[in-house]
Amino acid sequence: MKQRMTSQCLAAALVFGVLSMTTAVAAISGFLEGTWVVQCADGHRDTVGGITRNHNCEKCGKKSVSEGGALVVCPDGHVSGVGAITRNHKCPTCGKECRRD
């Protein structure tokens, strides 16, 4: 009986450990949530929406969102960088919200 409880506890700890690592990896990777205008290294701009972890520029194919990191464009056209999990971002130049929805 004691050995069975120990096995169950070890199994529960293993499941908890795997879930914790999966959550940590998702948090490290990051994403953009919502509608954003993003810019690639060549200055081309695309609109992305929903949950965006990665996005290639529609014009040149270069990465404009990589693991949630991106150059986002505010409504006035200023560009600033974001990373990790981004749900909102104020433009450091004008103070406007960069998220478009």
PDB file of N, CA and C in Angstrom:
ATOM      1  N   MET A   1       0.839  -1.202   0.000  1.00  0.00           N
ATOM      2  CA  MET A   1       0.000   0.000   0.000  1.00  0.00           C
ATOM      3  C   MET A   1       0.876   1.255   0.000  1.00  0.00           C
ATOM      4  N   LYS A   2       1.900   1.271   0.878  1.00  0.00           N
ATOM      5  CA  LYS A   2       2.785   2.430   0.953  1.00  0.00           C
ATOM      6  C   LYS A   2       3.549   2.617  -0.361  1.00  0.00           C
ATOM      7  N   GLN A   3       3.998   1.504  -0.965  1.00  0.00           N
ATOM      8  CA  GLN A   3       4.733   1.578  -2.230  1.00  0.00           C
ATOM      9  C   GLN A   3       3.827   2.107  -3.345  1.00  0.00           C
ATOM     10  N   ARG A   4       2.551   1.718  -3.303  1.00  0.00           N
ATOM     11  CA  ARG A   4       1.603   2.191  -4.325  1.00  0.00           C
ATOM     12  C   ARG A   4       1.391   3.701  -4.206  1.00  0.00           C
ATOM     13  N   MET A   5       1.271   4.215  -2.982  1.00  0.00           N
ATOM     14  CA  MET A   5       1.090   5.652  -2.768  1.00  0.00           C
ATOM     15  C   MET A   5       2.327   6.418  -3.229  1.00  0.00           C
ATOM     16  N   THR A   6       3.509   5.863  -2.952  1.00  0.00           N
ATOM     17  CA  THR A   6       4.743   6.499  -3.374  1.00  0.00           C
ATOM     18  C   THR A   6       4.796   6.576  -4.907  1.00  0.00           C
ATOM     19  N   SER A   7       4.395   5.515  -5.581  1.00  0.00           N
ATOM     20  CA  SER A   7       4.375   5.498  -7.048  1.00  0.00           C
ATOM     21  C   SER A   7       3.403   6.535  -7.586  1.00  0.00           C
ATOM     22  N   GLN A   8       2.252   6.667  -6.949  1.00  0.00           N
ATOM     23  CA  GLN A   8       1.262   7.646  -7.386  1.00  0.00           C
ATOM     24  C   GLN A   8       1.776   9.071  -7.179  1.00  0.00           C
ATOM     25  N   CYS A   9       2.465   9.285  -6.064  1.00  0.00           N
ATOM     26  CA  CYS A   9       3.029  10.613  -5.793  1.00  0.00           C
ATOM     27  C   CYS A   9       4.117  10.963  -6.806  1.00  0.00           C
ATOM     28  N   LEU A  10       4.958   9.992  -7.131  1.00  0.00           N
ATOM     29  CA  LEU A  10       6.004  10.224  -8.125  1.00  0.00           C
ATOM     30  C   LEU A  10       5.404  10.519  -9.499  1.00  0.00           C
ATOM     31  N   ALA A  11       4.352   9.795  -9.856  1.00  0.00           N
ATOM     32  CA  ALA A  11       3.687  10.026 -11.147  1.00  0.00           C
ATOM     33  C   ALA A  11       3.077  11.422 -11.183  1.00  0.00           C
ATOM     34  N   ALA A  12       2.446  11.834 -10.088  1.00  0.00           N
ATOM     35  CA  ALA A  12       1.845  13.161 -10.028  1.00  0.00           C
ATOM     36  C   ALA A  12       2.924  14.241 -10.121  1.00  0.00           C
ATOM     37  N   ALA A  13       4.057  14.028  -9.454  1.00  0.00           N
ATOM     38  CA  ALA A  13       5.151  14.991  -9.497  1.00  0.00           C
ATOM     39  C   ALA A  13       5.725  15.092 -10.912  1.00  0.00           C
ATOM     40  N   LEU A  14       5.832  13.972 -11.596  1.00  0.00           N
ATOM     41  CA  LEU A  14       6.333  13.960 -12.963  1.00  0.00           C
ATOM     42  C   LEU A  14       5.409  14.742 -13.890  1.00  0.00           C
ATOM     43  N   VAL A  15       4.107  14.519 -13.786  1.00  0.00           N
ATOM     44  CA  VAL A  15       3.130  15.240 -14.607  1.00  0.00           C
ATOM     45  C   VAL A  15       3.207  16.735 -14.320  1.00  0.00           C
ATOM     46  N   PHE A  16       3.279  17.102 -13.044  1.00  0.00           N
ATOM     47  CA  PHE A  16       3.378  18.512 -12.661  1.00  0.00           C
ATOM     48  C   PHE A  16       4.645  19.130 -13.241  1.00  0.00           C
ATOM     49  N   GLY A  17       5.755  18.420 -13.185  1.00  0.00           N
ATOM     50  CA  GLY A  17       7.021  18.926 -13.719  1.00  0.00           C
ATOM     51  C   GLY A  17       6.963  19.162 -15.212  1.00  0.00           C
ATOM     52  N   VAL A  18       6.376  18.232 -15.941  1.00  0.00           N
ATOM     53  CA  VAL A  18       6.254  18.377 -17.396  1.00  0.00           C
ATOM     54  C   VAL A  18       5.358  19.562 -17.735  1.00  0.00           C
ATOM     55  N   LEU A  19       4.237  19.710 -17.033  1.00  0.00           N
ATOM     56  CA  LEU A  19       3.340  20.839 -17.287  1.00  0.00           C
ATOM     57  C   LEU A  19       4.021  22.160 -16.972  1.00  0.00           C
ATOM     58  N   SER A  20       4.801  22.198 -15.907  1.00  0.00           N
ATOM     59  CA  SER A  20       5.506  23.426 -15.541  1.00  0.00           C
ATOM     60  C   SER A  20       6.515  23.810 -16.605  1.00  0.00           C
ATOM     61  N   MET A  21       7.259  22.839 -17.120  1.00  0.00           N
ATOM     62  CA  MET A  21       8.246  23.129 -18.163  1.00  0.00           C
ATOM     63  C   MET A  21       7.569  23.587 -19.445  1.00  0.00           C
ATOM     64  N   THR A  22       6.441  22.989 -19.801  1.00  0.00           N
ATOM     65  CA  THR A  22       5.714  23.380 -21.008  1.00  0.00           C
ATOM     66  C   THR A  22       5.240  24.819 -20.894  1.00  0.00           C
ATOM     67  N   THR A  23       4.701  25.205 -19.745  1.00  0.00           N
ATOM     68  CA  THR A  23       4.243  26.569 -19.514  1.00  0.00           C
ATOM     69  C   THR A  23       5.402  27.545 -19.572  1.00  0.00           C
ATOM     70  N   ALA A  24       6.532  27.170 -18.977  1.00  0.00           N
ATOM     71  CA  ALA A  24       7.704  28.051 -18.986  1.00  0.00           C
ATOM     72  C   ALA A  24       8.219  28.273 -20.403  1.00  0.00           C
ATOM     73  N   VAL A  25       8.254  27.242 -21.223  1.00  0.00           N
ATOM     74  CA  VAL A  25       8.717  27.383 -22.603  1.00  0.00           C
ATOM     75  C   VAL A  25       7.786  28.300 -23.379  1.00  0.00           C
ATOM     76  N   ALA A  26       6.479  28.162 -23.192  1.00  0.00           N
ATOM     77  CA  ALA A  26       5.528  29.039 -23.885  1.00  0.00           C
ATOM     78  C   ALA A  26       5.731  30.492 -23.464  1.00  0.00           C
ATOM     79  N   ALA A  27       5.986  30.726 -22.178  1.00  0.00           N
ATOM     80  CA  ALA A  27       6.187  32.089 -21.695  1.00  0.00           C
ATOM     81  C   ALA A  27       7.487  32.682 -22.234  1.00  0.00           C
ATOM     82  N   ILE A  28       8.535  31.865 -22.337  1.00  0.00           N
ATOM     83  CA  ILE A  28       9.803  32.345 -22.855  1.00  0.00           C
ATOM     84  C   ILE A  28       9.674  32.709 -24.330  1.00  0.00           C
ATOM     85  N   SER A  29       8.964  31.899 -25.086  1.00  0.00           N
ATOM     86  CA  SER A  29       8.843  32.121 -26.518  1.00  0.00           C
ATOM     87  C   SER A  29       8.132  33.430 -26.834  1.00  0.00           C
ATOM     88  N   GLY A  30       7.011  33.671 -26.203  1.00  0.00           N
ATOM     89  CA  GLY A  30       6.280  34.907 -26.395  1.00  0.00           C
ATOM     90  C   GLY A  30       5.387  34.930 -27.622  1.00  0.00           C
ATOM     91  N   PHE A  31       4.566  35.962 -27.694  1.00  0.00           N
ATOM     92  CA  PHE A  31       3.642  36.149 -28.809  1.00  0.00           C
ATOM     93  C   PHE A  31       3.040  37.539 -28.738  1.00  0.00           C
ATOM     94  N   LEU A  32       2.486  37.975 -29.844  1.00  0.00           N
ATOM     95  CA  LEU A  32       1.663  39.180 -29.889  1.00  0.00           C
ATOM     96  C   LEU A  32       0.211  38.733 -29.812  1.00  0.00           C
ATOM     97  N   GLU A  33      -0.576  39.389 -28.995  1.00  0.00           N
ATOM     98  CA  GLU A  33      -2.004  39.075 -28.897  1.00  0.00           C
ATOM     99  C   GLU A  33      -2.802  40.278 -29.365  1.00  0.00           C
ATOM    100  N   GLY A  34      -3.672  40.063 -30.339  1.00  0.00           N
ATOM    101  CA  GLY A  34      -4.489  41.148 -30.862  1.00  0.00           C
ATOM    102  C   GLY A  34      -4.048  41.548 -32.253  1.00  0.00           C
ATOM    103  N   THR A  35      -4.501  42.716 -32.685  1.00  0.00           N
ATOM    104  CA  THR A  35      -4.183  43.219 -34.022  1.00  0.00           C
ATOM    105  C   THR A  35      -3.066  44.254 -33.922  1.00  0.00           C
ATOM    106  N   TRP A  36      -2.016  44.049 -34.714  1.00  0.00           N
ATOM    107  CA  TRP A  36      -0.832  44.904 -34.694  1.00  0.00           C
ATOM    108  C   TRP A  36      -0.360  45.164 -36.125  1.00  0.00           C
ATOM    109  N   VAL A  37       0.283  46.295 -36.342  1.00  0.00           N
ATOM    110  CA  VAL A  37       1.029  46.534 -37.566  1.00  0.00           C
ATOM    111  C   VAL A  37       2.487  46.282 -37.193  1.00  0.00           C
ATOM    112  N   VAL A  38       3.129  45.362 -37.922  1.00  0.00           N
ATOM    113  CA  VAL A  38       4.522  45.003 -37.645  1.00  0.00           C
ATOM    114  C   VAL A  38       5.382  45.367 -38.848  1.00  0.00           C
ATOM    115  N   GLN A  39       6.668  45.557 -38.596  1.00  0.00           N
ATOM    116  CA  GLN A  39       7.578  45.977 -39.654  1.00  0.00           C
ATOM    117  C   GLN A  39       8.763  45.024 -39.730  1.00  0.00           C
ATOM    118  N   CYS A  40       9.125  44.622 -40.943  1.00  0.00           N
ATOM    119  CA  CYS A  40      10.307  43.775 -41.144  1.00  0.00           C
ATOM    120  C   CYS A  40      11.557  44.652 -41.193  1.00  0.00           C
ATOM    121  N   ALA A  41      12.720  44.024 -41.288  1.00  0.00           N
ATOM    122  CA  ALA A  41      13.992  44.740 -41.319  1.00  0.00           C
ATOM    123  C   ALA A  41      14.134  45.651 -42.540  1.00  0.00           C
ATOM    124  N   ASP A  42      13.410  45.346 -43.624  1.00  0.00           N
ATOM    125  CA  ASP A  42      13.465  46.178 -44.830  1.00  0.00           C
ATOM    126  C   ASP A  42      12.452  47.319 -44.804  1.00  0.00           C
ATOM    127  N   GLY A  43      11.667  47.431 -43.726  1.00  0.00           N
ATOM    128  CA  GLY A  43      10.717  48.536 -43.592  1.00  0.00           C
ATOM    129  C   GLY A  43       9.331  48.266 -44.136  1.00  0.00           C
ATOM    130  N   HIS A  44       9.067  47.045 -44.612  1.00  0.00           N
ATOM    131  CA  HIS A  44       7.723  46.700 -45.090  1.00  0.00           C
ATOM    132  C   HIS A  44       6.810  46.461 -43.891  1.00  0.00           C
ATOM    133  N   ARG A  45       5.551  46.840 -44.018  1.00  0.00           N
ATOM    134  CA  ARG A  45       4.604  46.718 -42.906  1.00  0.00           C
ATOM    135  C   ARG A  45       3.457  45.785 -43.249  1.00  0.00           C
ATOM    136  N   ASP A  46       3.131  44.912 -42.295  1.00  0.00           N
ATOM    137  CA  ASP A  46       1.999  43.975 -42.403  1.00  0.00           C
ATOM    138  C   ASP A  46       1.126  44.126 -41.174  1.00  0.00           C
ATOM    139  N   THR A  47      -0.137  43.776 -41.309  1.00  0.00           N
ATOM    140  CA  THR A  47      -1.043  43.706 -40.167  1.00  0.00           C
ATOM    141  C   THR A  47      -1.216  42.245 -39.790  1.00  0.00           C
ATOM    142  N   VAL A  48      -1.033  41.947 -38.497  1.00  0.00           N
ATOM    143  CA  VAL A  48      -1.235  40.591 -37.976  1.00  0.00           C
ATOM    144  C   VAL A  48      -2.326  40.638 -36.924  1.00  0.00           C
ATOM    145  N   GLY A  49      -2.988  39.500 -36.699  1.00  0.00           N
ATOM    146  CA  GLY A  49      -4.065  39.463 -35.721  1.00  0.00           C
ATOM    147  C   GLY A  49      -4.140  38.135 -35.008  1.00  0.00           C
ATOM    148  N   GLY A  50      -4.901  38.120 -33.919  1.00  0.00           N
ATOM    149  CA  GLY A  50      -5.047  36.906 -33.121  1.00  0.00           C
ATOM    150  C   GLY A  50      -3.837  36.709 -32.238  1.00  0.00           C
ATOM    151  N   ILE A  51      -3.347  35.482 -32.174  1.00  0.00           N
ATOM    152  CA  ILE A  51      -2.126  35.153 -31.450  1.00  0.00           C
ATOM    153  C   ILE A  51      -1.033  34.950 -32.501  1.00  0.00           C
ATOM    154  N   THR A  52      -0.022  35.812 -32.492  1.00  0.00           N
ATOM    155  CA  THR A  52       1.036  35.738 -33.490  1.00  0.00           C
ATOM    156  C   THR A  52       2.371  35.479 -32.802  1.00  0.00           C
ATOM    157  N   ARG A  53       2.925  34.304 -33.052  1.00  0.00           N
ATOM    158  CA  ARG A  53       4.241  33.950 -32.502  1.00  0.00           C
ATOM    159  C   ARG A  53       5.329  34.222 -33.543  1.00  0.00           C
ATOM    160  N   ASN A  54       5.040  33.936 -34.797  1.00  0.00           N
ATOM    161  CA  ASN A  54       5.983  34.126 -35.896  1.00  0.00           C
ATOM    162  C   ASN A  54       5.226  34.628 -37.120  1.00  0.00           C
ATOM    163  N   HIS A  55       5.876  35.494 -37.894  1.00  0.00           N
ATOM    164  CA  HIS A  55       5.257  36.008 -39.119  1.00  0.00           C
ATOM    165  C   HIS A  55       6.361  36.420 -40.076  1.00  0.00           C
ATOM    166  N   ASN A  56       6.226  36.027 -41.325  1.00  0.00           N
ATOM    167  CA  ASN A  56       7.143  36.458 -42.381  1.00  0.00           C
ATOM    168  C   ASN A  56       6.492  37.588 -43.164  1.00  0.00           C
ATOM    169  N   CYS A  57       7.291  38.570 -43.527  1.00  0.00           N
ATOM    170  CA  CYS A  57       6.826  39.707 -44.312  1.00  0.00           C
ATOM    171  C   CYS A  57       6.154  39.210 -45.587  1.00  0.00           C
ATOM    172  N   GLU A  58       4.994  39.758 -45.892  1.00  0.00           N
ATOM    173  CA  GLU A  58       4.256  39.346 -47.079  1.00  0.00           C
ATOM    174  C   GLU A  58       4.912  39.832 -48.367  1.00  0.00           C
ATOM    175  N   LYS A  59       5.772  40.842 -48.285  1.00  0.00           N
ATOM    176  CA  LYS A  59       6.405  41.381 -49.484  1.00  0.00           C
ATOM    177  C   LYS A  59       7.760  40.727 -49.771  1.00  0.00           C
ATOM    178  N   CYS A  60       8.623  40.607 -48.748  1.00  0.00           N
ATOM    179  CA  CYS A  60       9.982  40.103 -48.994  1.00  0.00           C
ATOM    180  C   CYS A  60      10.282  38.754 -48.332  1.00  0.00           C
ATOM    181  N   GLY A  61       9.409  38.302 -47.436  1.00  0.00           N
ATOM    182  CA  GLY A  61       9.601  37.009 -46.790  1.00  0.00           C
ATOM    183  C   GLY A  61      10.479  37.012 -45.551  1.00  0.00           C
ATOM    184  N   LYS A  62      11.069  38.160 -45.205  1.00  0.00           N
ATOM    185  CA  LYS A  62      11.889  38.230 -43.992  1.00  0.00           C
ATOM    186  C   LYS A  62      10.998  38.174 -42.757  1.00  0.00           C
ATOM    187  N   LYS A  63      11.571  37.699 -41.642  1.00  0.00           N
ATOM    188  CA  LYS A  63      10.827  37.625 -40.385  1.00  0.00           C
ATOM    189  C   LYS A  63      10.444  39.018 -39.912  1.00  0.00           C
ATOM    190  N   SER A  64       9.167  39.209 -39.570  1.00  0.00           N
ATOM    191  CA  SER A  64       8.758  40.454 -38.934  1.00  0.00           C
ATOM    192  C   SER A  64       8.280  40.201 -37.507  1.00  0.00           C
ATOM    193  N   VAL A  65       7.970  38.935 -37.183  1.00  0.00           N
ATOM    194  CA  VAL A  65       7.698  38.521 -35.809  1.00  0.00           C
ATOM    195  C   VAL A  65       8.436  37.206 -35.607  1.00  0.00           C
ATOM    196  N   SER A  66       9.266  37.149 -34.572  1.00  0.00           N
ATOM    197  CA  SER A  66      10.032  35.946 -34.285  1.00  0.00           C
ATOM    198  C   SER A  66       9.920  35.612 -32.807  1.00  0.00           C
ATOM    199  N   GLU A  67       9.236  34.508 -32.497  1.00  0.00           N
ATOM    200  CA  GLU A  67       9.009  34.085 -31.104  1.00  0.00           C
ATOM    201  C   GLU A  67       8.390  35.203 -30.276  1.00  0.00           C
ATOM    202  N   GLY A  68       7.536  36.006 -30.895  1.00  0.00           N
ATOM    203  CA  GLY A  68       6.846  37.081 -30.204  1.00  0.00           C
ATOM    204  C   GLY A  68       7.568  38.414 -30.229  1.00  0.00           C
ATOM    205  N   GLY A  69       8.838  38.423 -30.604  1.00  0.00           N
ATOM    206  CA  GLY A  69       9.579  39.675 -30.703  1.00  0.00           C
ATOM    207  C   GLY A  69       9.295  40.337 -32.037  1.00  0.00           C
ATOM    208  N   ALA A  70       9.062  41.647 -32.013  1.00  0.00           N
ATOM    209  CA  ALA A  70       8.703  42.338 -33.256  1.00  0.00           C
ATOM    210  C   ALA A  70       8.956  43.822 -33.151  1.00  0.00           C
ATOM    211  N   LEU A  71       9.013  44.455 -34.305  1.00  0.00           N
ATOM    212  CA  LEU A  71       8.954  45.905 -34.390  1.00  0.00           C
ATOM    213  C   LEU A  71       7.495  46.233 -34.678  1.00  0.00           C
ATOM    214  N   VAL A  72       6.849  46.947 -33.758  1.00  0.00           N
ATOM    215  CA  VAL A  72       5.444  47.314 -33.946  1.00  0.00           C
ATOM    216  C   VAL A  72       5.360  48.794 -34.309  1.00  0.00           C
ATOM    217  N   VAL A  73       4.300  49.137 -35.018  1.00  0.00           N
ATOM    218  CA  VAL A  73       4.126  50.491 -35.528  1.00  0.00           C
ATOM    219  C   VAL A  73       2.896  51.106 -34.864  1.00  0.00           C
ATOM    220  N   CYS A  74       3.062  52.303 -34.302  1.00  0.00           N
ATOM    221  CA  CYS A  74       1.930  52.993 -33.668  1.00  0.00           C
ATOM    222  C   CYS A  74       1.069  53.657 -34.752  1.00  0.00           C
ATOM    223  N   PRO A  75      -0.112  54.153 -34.402  1.00  0.00           N
ATOM    224  CA  PRO A  75      -0.979  54.807 -35.392  1.00  0.00           C
ATOM    225  C   PRO A  75      -0.335  56.015 -36.079  1.00  0.00           C
ATOM    226  N   ASP A  76       0.651  56.643 -35.415  1.00  0.00           N
ATOM    227  CA  ASP A  76       1.335  57.795 -36.017  1.00  0.00           C
ATOM    228  C   ASP A  76       2.557  57.395 -36.839  1.00  0.00           C
ATOM    229  N   GLY A  77       2.840  56.072 -36.922  1.00  0.00           N
ATOM    230  CA  GLY A  77       3.942  55.597 -37.758  1.00  0.00           C
ATOM    231  C   GLY A  77       5.271  55.394 -37.060  1.00  0.00           C
ATOM    232  N   HIS A  78       5.331  55.642 -35.743  1.00  0.00           N
ATOM    233  CA  HIS A  78       6.571  55.418 -35.009  1.00  0.00           C
ATOM    234  C   HIS A  78       6.787  53.918 -34.804  1.00  0.00           C
ATOM    235  N   VAL A  79       8.027  53.468 -34.846  1.00  0.00           N
ATOM    236  CA  VAL A  79       8.366  52.053 -34.716  1.00  0.00           C
ATOM    237  C   VAL A  79       9.080  51.826 -33.391  1.00  0.00           C
ATOM    238  N   SER A  80       8.667  50.759 -32.671  1.00  0.00           N
ATOM    239  CA  SER A  80       9.354  50.391 -31.430  1.00  0.00           C
ATOM    240  C   SER A  80       9.335  48.879 -31.266  1.00  0.00           C
ATOM    241  N   GLY A  81      10.280  48.366 -30.518  1.00  0.00           N
ATOM    242  CA  GLY A  81      10.413  46.926 -30.338  1.00  0.00           C
ATOM    243  C   GLY A  81       9.648  46.404 -29.140  1.00  0.00           C
ATOM    244  N   VAL A  82       9.116  45.183 -29.282  1.00  0.00           N
ATOM    245  CA  VAL A  82       8.447  44.476 -28.186  1.00  0.00           C
ATOM    246  C   VAL A  82       8.975  43.047 -28.162  1.00  0.00           C
ATOM    247  N   GLY A  83       8.772  42.373 -27.050  1.00  0.00           N
ATOM    248  CA  GLY A  83       9.182  40.981 -26.924  1.00  0.00           C
ATOM    249  C   GLY A  83       8.371  40.288 -25.856  1.00  0.00           C
ATOM    250  N   ALA A  84       8.585  38.993 -25.714  1.00  0.00           N
ATOM    251  CA  ALA A  84       7.869  38.161 -24.738  1.00  0.00           C
ATOM    252  C   ALA A  84       6.379  38.123 -25.080  1.00  0.00           C
ATOM    253  N   ILE A  85       5.528  38.151 -24.083  1.00  0.00           N
ATOM    254  CA  ILE A  85       4.078  38.146 -24.305  1.00  0.00           C
ATOM    255  C   ILE A  85       3.605  39.590 -24.312  1.00  0.00           C
ATOM    256  N   THR A  86       3.081  40.034 -25.452  1.00  0.00           N
ATOM    257  CA  THR A  86       2.679  41.433 -25.592  1.00  0.00           C
ATOM    258  C   THR A  86       1.189  41.512 -25.892  1.00  0.00           C
ATOM    259  N   ARG A  87       0.472  42.122 -24.959  1.00  0.00           N
ATOM    260  CA  ARG A  87      -0.973  42.336 -25.126  1.00  0.00           C
ATOM    261  C   ARG A  87      -1.285  43.805 -25.388  1.00  0.00           C
ATOM    262  N   ASN A  88      -0.385  44.685 -24.966  1.00  0.00           N
ATOM    263  CA  ASN A  88      -0.516  46.108 -25.249  1.00  0.00           C
ATOM    264  C   ASN A  88       0.863  46.739 -25.157  1.00  0.00           C
ATOM    265  N   HIS A  89       1.011  47.884 -25.801  1.00  0.00           N
ATOM    266  CA  HIS A  89       2.311  48.569 -25.816  1.00  0.00           C
ATOM    267  C   HIS A  89       2.073  50.026 -26.155  1.00  0.00           C
ATOM    268  N   LYS A  90       2.581  50.909 -25.318  1.00  0.00           N
ATOM    269  CA  LYS A  90       2.491  52.348 -25.576  1.00  0.00           C
ATOM    270  C   LYS A  90       3.724  52.794 -26.340  1.00  0.00           C
ATOM    271  N   CYS A  91       3.522  53.559 -27.383  1.00  0.00           N
ATOM    272  CA  CYS A  91       4.621  54.089 -28.183  1.00  0.00           C
ATOM    273  C   CYS A  91       5.509  54.961 -27.293  1.00  0.00           C
ATOM    274  N   PRO A  92       6.815  54.695 -27.266  1.00  0.00           N
ATOM    275  CA  PRO A  92       7.695  55.521 -26.440  1.00  0.00           C
ATOM    276  C   PRO A  92       7.882  56.940 -26.989  1.00  0.00           C
ATOM    277  N   THR A  93       7.510  57.174 -28.236  1.00  0.00           N
ATOM    278  CA  THR A  93       7.662  58.503 -28.842  1.00  0.00           C
ATOM    279  C   THR A  93       6.452  59.391 -28.572  1.00  0.00           C
ATOM    280  N   CYS A  94       5.236  58.859 -28.825  1.00  0.00           N
ATOM    281  CA  CYS A  94       4.033  59.706 -28.705  1.00  0.00           C
ATOM    282  C   CYS A  94       3.081  59.270 -27.592  1.00  0.00           C
ATOM    283  N   GLY A  95       3.274  58.054 -27.043  1.00  0.00           N
ATOM    284  CA  GLY A  95       2.422  57.597 -25.949  1.00  0.00           C
ATOM    285  C   GLY A  95       1.129  56.916 -26.390  1.00  0.00           C
ATOM    286  N   LYS A  96       0.890  56.809 -27.682  1.00  0.00           N
ATOM    287  CA  LYS A  96      -0.333  56.153 -28.164  1.00  0.00           C
ATOM    288  C   LYS A  96      -0.199  54.641 -28.075  1.00  0.00           C
ATOM    289  N   GLU A  97      -1.343  53.983 -27.913  1.00  0.00           N
ATOM    290  CA  GLU A  97      -1.384  52.513 -27.907  1.00  0.00           C
ATOM    291  C   GLU A  97      -1.080  52.006 -29.301  1.00  0.00           C
ATOM    292  N   CYS A  98      -0.144  51.024 -29.379  1.00  0.00           N
ATOM    293  CA  CYS A  98       0.241  50.462 -30.682  1.00  0.00           C
ATOM    294  C   CYS A  98      -0.707  49.363 -31.133  1.00  0.00           C
ATOM    295  N   ARG A  99      -1.338  48.662 -30.190  1.00  0.00           N
ATOM    296  CA  ARG A  99      -2.304  47.626 -30.566  1.00  0.00           C
ATOM    297  C   ARG A  99      -3.470  48.281 -31.287  1.00  0.00           C
ATOM    298  N   ARG A 100      -3.963  47.666 -32.345  1.00  0.00           N
ATOM    299  CA  ARG A 100      -4.958  48.304 -33.202  1.00  0.00           C
ATOM    300  C   ARG A 100      -6.396  47.870 -32.965  1.00  0.00           C
ATOM    301  N   ASP A 101      -6.657  46.935 -32.070  1.00  0.00           N
ATOM    302  CA  ASP A 101      -8.063  46.547 -31.820  1.00  0.00           C
ATOM    303  C   ASP A 101      -8.484  46.859 -30.416  1.00  0.00           C
TER     304      ASP A 101
END
